[in-house]
């Protein structure tokens, strides 16, 4: 009977050791195969530099503008409403920035691509007009994406330039150039 008790205890210990070893191997395999997420995003300092670059460009035409910079998910990173600019301009600038970031191109280029009569290189209709009705998108020029290593980490939108939407876009482009050396 004593031998049976020893044999049973040894069997239970062996099962415990094998089970523990298997659990340890599972945990080690999991820790070596998991990948952490790493997302690039525009910093507050970069957003300030982008906005200042846009404002400086617009000052050349004596324009009072509103500038919005959004991050990689389209959230507001920085907004500046010029002296005397209408309050509605904040949302317009934000939507221009969001549109540029979302579609990873200048909003003027996106407008051409989503026009009802847009054609591809072979003359086939593109049929992307529906994008213009998405939430937070605006069908106006004046937005530029902020691209870092092929990834849209943000966008800038400008509104209120004396030259209209295309002048807004020139100011937005100047804003992105303010941090071009950081986006290599």
Protein backbone atom coordinates (compact mmCIF):
# COMPACT_ATOMS: atom_id res chain seq x y z
CA UNK A 1 0.00 0.00 0.00
CA UNK A 2 2.85 2.29 0.81
CA UNK A 3 4.36 1.68 -2.63
CA UNK A 4 1.04 2.52 -4.24
CA UNK A 5 0.87 5.83 -2.33
CA UNK A 6 4.44 6.68 -3.41
CA UNK A 7 3.65 5.77 -7.00
CA UNK A 8 0.48 7.88 -6.96
CA UNK A 9 2.38 10.86 -5.46
CA UNK A 10 5.09 10.52 -8.10
CA UNK A 11 2.43 10.39 -10.86
CA UNK A 12 0.70 13.53 -9.55
CA UNK A 13 4.08 15.32 -9.31
CA UNK A 14 4.95 14.28 -12.87
CA UNK A 15 1.61 15.58 -14.20
CA UNK A 16 2.18 18.86 -12.33
CA UNK A 17 5.72 19.24 -13.73
CA UNK A 18 4.63 18.47 -17.30
CA UNK A 19 1.64 20.83 -17.04
CA UNK A 20 3.75 23.61 -15.55
CA UNK A 21 6.38 23.17 -18.25
CA UNK A 22 3.73 23.34 -20.97
CA UNK A 23 2.22 26.52 -19.46
CA UNK A 24 5.67 28.10 -19.23
CA UNK A 25 6.41 27.31 -22.89
CA UNK A 26 3.05 28.81 -23.92
CA UNK A 27 3.78 32.05 -22.06
CA UNK A 28 7.29 32.31 -23.50
CA UNK A 29 6.00 31.70 -27.02
CA UNK A 30 3.30 34.34 -26.54
CA UNK A 31 5.75 36.97 -25.28
CA UNK A 32 8.11 36.37 -28.22
CA UNK A 33 5.40 36.42 -30.88
CA UNK A 34 3.33 39.40 -29.70
CA UNK A 35 4.01 42.69 -31.44
CA UNK A 36 3.39 45.98 -29.78
CA UNK A 37 1.69 48.75 -31.71
CA UNK A 38 3.70 51.76 -32.72
CA UNK A 39 1.87 54.66 -34.33
CA UNK A 40 3.46 57.85 -35.53
CA UNK A 41 1.54 61.00 -34.74
CA UNK A 42 2.06 64.73 -35.04
CA UNK A 43 3.36 66.28 -31.83
CA UNK A 44 2.01 69.47 -30.28
CA UNK A 45 5.27 71.23 -31.13
CA UNK A 46 5.01 70.17 -34.77
CA UNK A 47 1.36 71.24 -34.91
CA UNK A 48 2.35 74.69 -33.64
CA UNK A 49 5.11 74.97 -36.25
CA UNK A 50 2.75 73.89 -39.03
CA UNK A 51 0.13 76.42 -37.97
CA UNK A 52 2.71 79.20 -37.67
CA UNK A 53 4.06 78.42 -41.14
CA UNK A 54 0.56 78.71 -42.59
CA UNK A 55 -0.20 81.95 -40.74
CA UNK A 56 3.12 83.47 -41.86
CA UNK A 57 2.35 82.63 -45.49
CA UNK A 58 -1.15 84.09 -45.27
CA UNK A 59 0.16 87.28 -43.66
CA UNK A 60 1.89 88.06 -46.96
CA UNK A 61 -1.54 88.76 -48.45
CA UNK A 62 -2.72 90.47 -45.26
CA UNK A 63 -5.27 87.69 -44.68
CA UNK A 64 -6.87 86.89 -41.34
CA UNK A 65 -7.15 83.13 -41.36
CA UNK A 66 -8.26 80.25 -39.21
CA UNK A 67 -5.93 77.24 -39.08
CA UNK A 68 -6.66 73.75 -37.78
CA UNK A 69 -4.19 70.89 -37.40
CA UNK A 70 -5.50 67.37 -36.82
CA UNK A 71 -3.65 64.25 -35.70
CA UNK A 72 -3.48 60.78 -37.25
CA UNK A 73 -7.07 59.92 -36.25
CA UNK A 74 -8.52 63.28 -37.27
CA UNK A 75 -8.74 64.71 -33.76
CA UNK A 76 -7.96 68.38 -33.27
CA UNK A 77 -4.34 68.91 -32.28
CA UNK A 78 -4.27 72.71 -32.62
CA UNK A 79 -6.69 75.43 -33.75
CA UNK A 80 -6.08 79.13 -34.24
CA UNK A 81 -8.90 81.50 -35.18
CA UNK A 82 -7.65 84.78 -36.57
CA UNK A 83 -8.73 88.15 -35.15
CA UNK A 84 -12.22 88.90 -36.38
CA UNK A 85 -12.62 85.55 -38.17
CA UNK A 86 -16.09 83.99 -37.92
CA UNK A 87 -16.52 81.20 -35.36
CA UNK A 88 -17.76 78.86 -38.13
CA UNK A 89 -14.30 79.00 -39.71
CA UNK A 90 -12.96 76.73 -36.97
CA UNK A 91 -15.14 73.84 -38.16
CA UNK A 92 -14.41 74.57 -41.83
CA UNK A 93 -10.64 74.54 -41.23
CA UNK A 94 -10.91 71.36 -39.14
CA UNK A 95 -12.90 69.61 -41.85
CA UNK A 96 -10.39 70.66 -44.52
CA UNK A 97 -7.57 69.19 -42.39
CA UNK A 98 -9.59 66.02 -41.75
CA UNK A 99 -10.36 65.58 -45.46
CA UNK A 100 -6.71 65.99 -46.44
CA UNK A 101 -5.57 63.55 -43.76
CA UNK A 102 -8.26 61.00 -44.56
CA UNK A 103 -7.61 60.90 -48.30
CA UNK A 104 -3.85 61.54 -47.98
CA UNK A 105 -3.77 64.29 -50.58
CA UNK A 106 -4.35 67.99 -51.03
CA UNK A 107 -8.06 68.68 -50.91
CA UNK A 108 -7.90 70.32 -54.35
CA UNK A 109 -6.57 67.05 -55.83
CA UNK A 110 -9.24 65.09 -53.95
CA UNK A 111 -11.92 67.42 -55.36
CA UNK A 112 -10.70 66.69 -58.92
CA UNK A 113 -10.71 62.94 -58.25
CA UNK A 114 -14.21 62.92 -56.73
CA UNK A 115 -15.83 65.25 -59.27
CA UNK A 116 -18.98 63.83 -60.90
CA UNK A 117 -17.26 63.89 -64.30
CA UNK A 118 -13.85 62.56 -63.13
CA UNK A 119 -12.16 60.05 -65.43
CA UNK A 120 -9.14 57.81 -64.91
CA UNK A 121 -6.17 57.65 -67.32
CA UNK A 122 -8.10 55.32 -69.65
CA UNK A 123 -11.14 57.60 -69.79
CA UNK A 124 -13.26 55.41 -67.50
CA UNK A 125 -15.45 57.25 -64.94
CA UNK A 126 -14.00 57.08 -61.42
CA UNK A 127 -17.32 57.29 -59.52
CA UNK A 128 -16.03 58.50 -56.15
CA UNK A 129 -18.54 61.32 -55.75
CA UNK A 130 -20.06 59.58 -52.71
CA UNK A 131 -16.92 60.34 -50.68
CA UNK A 132 -18.00 63.98 -50.61
CA UNK A 133 -20.96 63.14 -48.37
CA UNK A 134 -18.99 61.33 -45.65
CA UNK A 135 -19.08 62.76 -42.12
CA UNK A 136 -16.48 65.45 -41.35
CA UNK A 137 -15.44 65.72 -45.01
CA UNK A 138 -15.76 69.03 -46.83
CA UNK A 139 -15.63 69.59 -50.57
CA UNK A 140 -13.40 72.64 -50.54
CA UNK A 141 -9.74 73.24 -51.25
CA UNK A 142 -7.51 74.44 -48.44
CA UNK A 143 -6.28 71.26 -46.75
CA UNK A 144 -2.98 69.40 -46.92
CA UNK A 145 -2.01 66.05 -45.38
CA UNK A 146 1.04 65.75 -43.16
CA UNK A 147 2.87 62.63 -44.33
CA UNK A 148 5.66 60.85 -42.43
CA UNK A 149 7.26 57.81 -44.09
CA UNK A 150 4.17 57.27 -46.23
CA UNK A 151 1.82 57.47 -43.23
CA UNK A 152 -0.68 60.31 -42.78
CA UNK A 153 0.15 61.51 -39.27
CA UNK A 154 -2.06 64.57 -39.53
CA UNK A 155 -3.49 67.28 -41.69
CA UNK A 156 -3.77 71.05 -41.84
CA UNK A 157 -6.74 73.09 -42.96
CA UNK A 158 -6.79 76.83 -43.60
CA UNK A 159 -9.74 79.10 -44.32
CA UNK A 160 -10.21 82.84 -44.68
CA UNK A 161 -7.50 83.81 -47.15
CA UNK A 162 -8.25 86.80 -49.35
CA UNK A 163 -7.46 84.65 -52.39
CA UNK A 164 -10.11 82.02 -51.58
CA UNK A 165 -9.73 78.28 -51.16
CA UNK A 166 -6.71 77.92 -53.45
CA UNK A 167 -4.87 80.62 -51.47
CA UNK A 168 -5.89 78.74 -48.31
CA UNK A 169 -4.26 75.64 -49.75
CA UNK A 170 -1.06 77.52 -50.57
CA UNK A 171 -0.91 78.63 -46.93
CA UNK A 172 -1.56 75.06 -45.76
CA UNK A 173 1.23 73.79 -47.98
CA UNK A 174 3.59 76.39 -46.51
CA UNK A 175 2.60 75.08 -43.09
CA UNK A 176 3.58 71.51 -44.00
CA UNK A 177 6.89 72.78 -45.37
CA UNK A 178 7.64 74.31 -41.97
CA UNK A 179 8.34 70.81 -40.62
CA UNK A 180 9.45 69.14 -43.86
CA UNK A 181 12.91 68.49 -42.38
CA UNK A 182 11.27 66.51 -39.57
CA UNK A 183 9.23 64.34 -41.97
CA UNK A 184 12.09 62.69 -43.85
